Every structure is written in C-alpha cells, then in structure tokens.
C-alpha cells in the first residue's frame, strides 16, 4: 500500500494530478535517438522532382545524418527523451 502511494505521489503537485506528456507522433516517425543521445534524421528534398537535382546532391543526402545540437534539444522535447 505504501509503495503505491509513493508512486502516485510524484504525479501530484499541490493536490492536482499532472497530465502526462504525449509524444509528437510526427517526430516519432521522422527521427531516431541513438544510445549516446544524438538524433538521426534523413535529408530533405528526396521525395519528388529528383530529375532536376544534381547527382552530387542526391548522393550526399543518402542515408541518415546527425542533427545539430541546437535542433537536437527541440526534437528531444517532442520525443520526451532525456536531455543530455
């Protein structure tokens, strides 16, 4: 009984239940957080109109890339991942 009260107590602030934070479903689908806390993303501009893009542009945007630290903070808030 005590354990269940202790677990529930952390959800209360000033006798009010704090709402759970939902993850943004679009962020879940587009980004992946690595074990070290970095965020992987895919390059933009690879969906359509590829005939007008240069070969080097298409080649360089192949595969996942690491996101910058500034943008990583924003994405981690949406995913509810731990900020390191």
N, C-alpha and C. Protein backbone atom coordinates (compact mmCIF):
# COMPACT_ATOMS: atom_id res chain seq x y z
N UNK A 1 0.82 -1.20 0.00
CA UNK A 1 0.00 0.00 0.00
C UNK A 1 0.86 1.26 0.00
N UNK A 2 1.93 1.25 0.80
CA UNK A 2 2.79 2.44 0.85
C UNK A 2 3.46 2.70 -0.49
N UNK A 3 3.90 1.61 -1.14
CA UNK A 3 4.59 1.78 -2.42
C UNK A 3 3.68 2.40 -3.47
N UNK A 4 2.41 1.99 -3.50
CA UNK A 4 1.50 2.56 -4.50
C UNK A 4 1.24 4.03 -4.21
N UNK A 5 1.20 4.42 -2.94
CA UNK A 5 1.02 5.83 -2.61
C UNK A 5 2.25 6.64 -2.98
N UNK A 6 3.42 6.06 -2.77
CA UNK A 6 4.65 6.78 -3.11
C UNK A 6 4.77 6.96 -4.61
N UNK A 7 4.37 5.96 -5.39
CA UNK A 7 4.45 6.08 -6.84
C UNK A 7 3.46 7.13 -7.36
N UNK A 8 2.27 7.16 -6.77
CA UNK A 8 1.27 8.11 -7.23
C UNK A 8 1.55 9.53 -6.76
N UNK A 9 2.32 9.67 -5.68
CA UNK A 9 2.57 10.99 -5.11
C UNK A 9 3.36 11.88 -6.05
N UNK A 10 4.24 11.28 -6.87
CA UNK A 10 5.06 12.10 -7.77
C UNK A 10 4.23 12.73 -8.89
N UNK A 11 3.04 12.19 -9.16
CA UNK A 11 2.19 12.77 -10.20
C UNK A 11 1.34 13.92 -9.67
N UNK A 12 1.38 14.16 -8.36
CA UNK A 12 0.58 15.21 -7.75
C UNK A 12 1.45 16.42 -7.42
N UNK A 13 0.99 17.60 -7.77
CA UNK A 13 1.61 18.86 -7.36
C UNK A 13 0.48 19.74 -6.88
N UNK A 14 0.58 20.18 -5.61
CA UNK A 14 -0.47 20.98 -4.98
C UNK A 14 -1.84 20.30 -5.06
N UNK A 15 -1.84 18.96 -4.79
CA UNK A 15 -3.06 18.14 -4.79
C UNK A 15 -3.77 18.11 -6.15
N UNK A 16 -3.05 18.32 -7.22
CA UNK A 16 -3.61 18.21 -8.56
C UNK A 16 -2.80 17.20 -9.35
N UNK A 17 -3.49 16.42 -10.15
CA UNK A 17 -2.81 15.42 -10.97
C UNK A 17 -2.20 16.12 -12.17
N UNK A 18 -0.90 15.88 -12.39
CA UNK A 18 -0.22 16.46 -13.53
C UNK A 18 -0.53 15.62 -14.77
N UNK A 19 -0.80 16.26 -15.91
CA UNK A 19 -1.11 15.49 -17.12
C UNK A 19 0.14 14.83 -17.67
N UNK A 20 -0.07 13.71 -18.34
CA UNK A 20 1.05 13.04 -18.99
C UNK A 20 1.40 13.78 -20.27
N UNK A 21 2.67 13.79 -20.61
CA UNK A 21 3.11 14.47 -21.82
C UNK A 21 3.11 13.46 -22.96
N UNK A 22 2.34 13.74 -23.99
CA UNK A 22 2.30 12.85 -25.14
C UNK A 22 3.44 13.20 -26.09
N UNK A 23 3.96 12.17 -26.77
CA UNK A 23 5.00 12.42 -27.77
C UNK A 23 4.32 12.87 -29.06
N UNK A 24 5.01 13.71 -29.80
CA UNK A 24 4.50 14.14 -31.10
C UNK A 24 4.69 12.99 -32.07
N UNK A 25 3.61 12.51 -32.65
CA UNK A 25 3.68 11.31 -33.48
C UNK A 25 4.48 11.55 -34.75
N UNK A 26 4.47 12.79 -35.27
CA UNK A 26 5.27 13.08 -36.45
C UNK A 26 6.76 13.02 -36.16
N UNK A 27 7.14 13.43 -34.96
CA UNK A 27 8.54 13.39 -34.56
C UNK A 27 9.00 11.95 -34.38
N UNK A 28 8.14 11.11 -33.85
CA UNK A 28 8.47 9.70 -33.67
C UNK A 28 8.84 9.05 -34.99
N UNK A 29 8.10 9.41 -36.04
CA UNK A 29 8.30 8.77 -37.34
C UNK A 29 9.53 9.29 -38.07
N UNK A 30 9.93 10.54 -37.81
CA UNK A 30 10.98 11.16 -38.60
C UNK A 30 12.37 11.06 -38.00
N UNK A 31 12.48 10.93 -36.69
CA UNK A 31 13.78 10.98 -36.03
C UNK A 31 13.99 9.77 -35.14
N UNK A 32 15.28 9.46 -34.89
CA UNK A 32 15.64 8.35 -34.02
C UNK A 32 16.76 8.83 -33.10
N UNK A 33 16.62 8.54 -31.81
CA UNK A 33 17.65 8.91 -30.84
C UNK A 33 18.58 7.73 -30.65
N UNK A 34 19.88 7.97 -30.77
CA UNK A 34 20.87 6.90 -30.62
C UNK A 34 21.11 6.63 -29.14
N UNK A 35 21.90 5.63 -28.84
CA UNK A 35 22.21 5.30 -27.46
C UNK A 35 23.00 6.36 -26.75
N UNK A 36 23.80 7.13 -27.50
CA UNK A 36 24.60 8.19 -26.88
C UNK A 36 23.83 9.50 -26.77
N UNK A 37 22.59 9.53 -27.26
CA UNK A 37 21.77 10.73 -27.12
C UNK A 37 21.74 11.63 -28.34
N UNK A 38 22.39 11.21 -29.41
CA UNK A 38 22.36 12.01 -30.64
C UNK A 38 21.10 11.67 -31.43
N UNK A 39 20.69 12.60 -32.29
CA UNK A 39 19.46 12.39 -33.07
C UNK A 39 19.83 12.18 -34.53
N UNK A 40 19.29 11.10 -35.11
CA UNK A 40 19.49 10.81 -36.53
C UNK A 40 18.29 11.31 -37.31
N UNK A 41 18.56 11.86 -38.48
CA UNK A 41 17.48 12.33 -39.35
C UNK A 41 17.87 12.04 -40.79
N UNK A 42 16.87 12.05 -41.65
CA UNK A 42 17.12 11.87 -43.07
C UNK A 42 17.09 13.23 -43.76
N UNK A 43 17.87 13.38 -44.81
CA UNK A 43 17.96 14.65 -45.51
C UNK A 43 16.66 14.98 -46.22
N UNK A 44 16.37 16.26 -46.33
CA UNK A 44 15.15 16.69 -47.00
C UNK A 44 15.39 16.78 -48.51
N UNK A 45 14.31 16.86 -49.26
CA UNK A 45 14.42 17.05 -50.70
C UNK A 45 14.68 15.79 -51.49
N UNK A 46 14.22 14.64 -50.99
CA UNK A 46 14.47 13.38 -51.71
C UNK A 46 13.18 12.66 -52.06
N UNK A 47 12.03 13.37 -52.08
CA UNK A 47 10.75 12.71 -52.31
C UNK A 47 10.30 12.78 -53.76
N UNK A 48 10.42 13.95 -54.36
CA UNK A 48 9.95 14.09 -55.75
C UNK A 48 10.80 15.14 -56.44
N UNK A 49 10.60 15.29 -57.75
CA UNK A 49 11.38 16.21 -58.59
C UNK A 49 12.88 15.91 -58.52
N UNK A 50 13.24 14.65 -58.52
CA UNK A 50 14.64 14.28 -58.42
C UNK A 50 15.38 14.46 -59.74
N UNK A 51 14.65 14.62 -60.83
CA UNK A 51 15.32 14.78 -62.12
C UNK A 51 16.05 16.12 -62.21
N UNK A 52 15.56 17.12 -61.52
CA UNK A 52 16.23 18.42 -61.57
C UNK A 52 17.38 18.56 -60.56
N UNK A 53 17.51 17.61 -59.62
CA UNK A 53 18.58 17.66 -58.63
C UNK A 53 19.87 17.11 -59.25
N UNK A 54 21.00 17.62 -58.79
CA UNK A 54 22.27 17.12 -59.30
C UNK A 54 22.59 15.77 -58.67
N UNK A 55 23.48 15.04 -59.34
CA UNK A 55 23.88 13.73 -58.83
C UNK A 55 24.55 13.85 -57.47
N UNK A 56 25.37 14.88 -57.31
CA UNK A 56 26.08 15.03 -56.04
C UNK A 56 25.12 15.35 -54.90
N UNK A 57 24.09 16.13 -55.20
CA UNK A 57 23.11 16.45 -54.16
C UNK A 57 22.37 15.19 -53.73
N UNK A 58 21.96 14.36 -54.69
CA UNK A 58 21.25 13.14 -54.37
C UNK A 58 22.14 12.16 -53.61
N UNK A 59 23.40 12.11 -54.00
CA UNK A 59 24.35 11.20 -53.36
C UNK A 59 24.67 11.64 -51.92
N UNK A 60 24.81 12.95 -51.73
CA UNK A 60 25.19 13.44 -50.41
C UNK A 60 24.05 13.35 -49.40
N UNK A 61 22.82 13.34 -49.89
CA UNK A 61 21.69 13.26 -48.96
C UNK A 61 21.21 11.82 -48.76
N UNK A 62 22.05 10.87 -49.10
CA UNK A 62 21.72 9.46 -48.93
C UNK A 62 21.96 9.05 -47.48
N UNK A 63 21.08 8.25 -46.92
CA UNK A 63 21.27 7.72 -45.57
C UNK A 63 21.01 8.75 -44.48
N UNK A 64 21.01 8.31 -43.22
CA UNK A 64 20.74 9.23 -42.12
C UNK A 64 21.94 10.10 -41.79
N UNK A 65 21.66 11.30 -41.27
CA UNK A 65 22.72 12.22 -40.84
C UNK A 65 22.45 12.65 -39.41
N UNK A 66 23.48 13.14 -38.73
CA UNK A 66 23.32 13.61 -37.36
C UNK A 66 22.76 15.03 -37.35
N UNK A 67 21.90 15.29 -36.41
CA UNK A 67 21.29 16.61 -36.27
C UNK A 67 22.19 17.50 -35.40
N UNK A 68 22.10 18.81 -35.62
CA UNK A 68 22.89 19.75 -34.83
C UNK A 68 22.41 19.77 -33.38
N UNK A 69 23.26 20.22 -32.47
CA UNK A 69 22.93 20.21 -31.04
C UNK A 69 21.75 21.11 -30.73
N UNK A 70 21.65 22.24 -31.41
CA UNK A 70 20.55 23.17 -31.14
C UNK A 70 19.20 22.55 -31.50
N UNK A 71 19.15 21.87 -32.64
CA UNK A 71 17.90 21.24 -33.07
C UNK A 71 17.61 19.98 -32.28
N UNK A 72 18.68 19.32 -31.79
CA UNK A 72 18.51 18.10 -31.01
C UNK A 72 17.69 18.37 -29.75
N UNK A 73 17.94 19.49 -29.09
CA UNK A 73 17.18 19.84 -27.88
C UNK A 73 15.68 19.93 -28.17
N UNK A 74 15.34 20.56 -29.27
CA UNK A 74 13.93 20.73 -29.63
C UNK A 74 13.27 19.39 -29.90
N UNK A 75 13.96 18.55 -30.67
CA UNK A 75 13.39 17.25 -31.04
C UNK A 75 13.25 16.35 -29.82
N UNK A 76 14.21 16.39 -28.90
CA UNK A 76 14.13 15.56 -27.71
C UNK A 76 12.97 15.96 -26.81
N UNK A 77 12.62 17.23 -26.80
CA UNK A 77 11.46 17.66 -26.03
C UNK A 77 10.19 17.06 -26.61
N UNK A 78 10.11 16.98 -27.94
CA UNK A 78 8.94 16.40 -28.59
C UNK A 78 8.85 14.91 -28.38
N UNK A 79 10.00 14.23 -28.31
CA UNK A 79 10.02 12.78 -28.15
C UNK A 79 9.95 12.40 -26.67
N UNK A 80 10.17 13.35 -25.78
CA UNK A 80 10.25 13.11 -24.33
C UNK A 80 11.45 12.25 -23.97
N UNK A 81 12.56 12.45 -24.67
CA UNK A 81 13.78 11.75 -24.36
C UNK A 81 14.58 12.56 -23.34
N UNK A 82 15.51 11.92 -22.69
CA UNK A 82 16.32 12.61 -21.69
C UNK A 82 17.26 13.58 -22.38
N UNK A 83 17.32 14.80 -21.87
CA UNK A 83 18.25 15.80 -22.42
C UNK A 83 19.59 15.60 -21.75
N UNK A 84 20.63 15.44 -22.56
CA UNK A 84 21.98 15.26 -22.01
C UNK A 84 22.82 16.45 -22.38
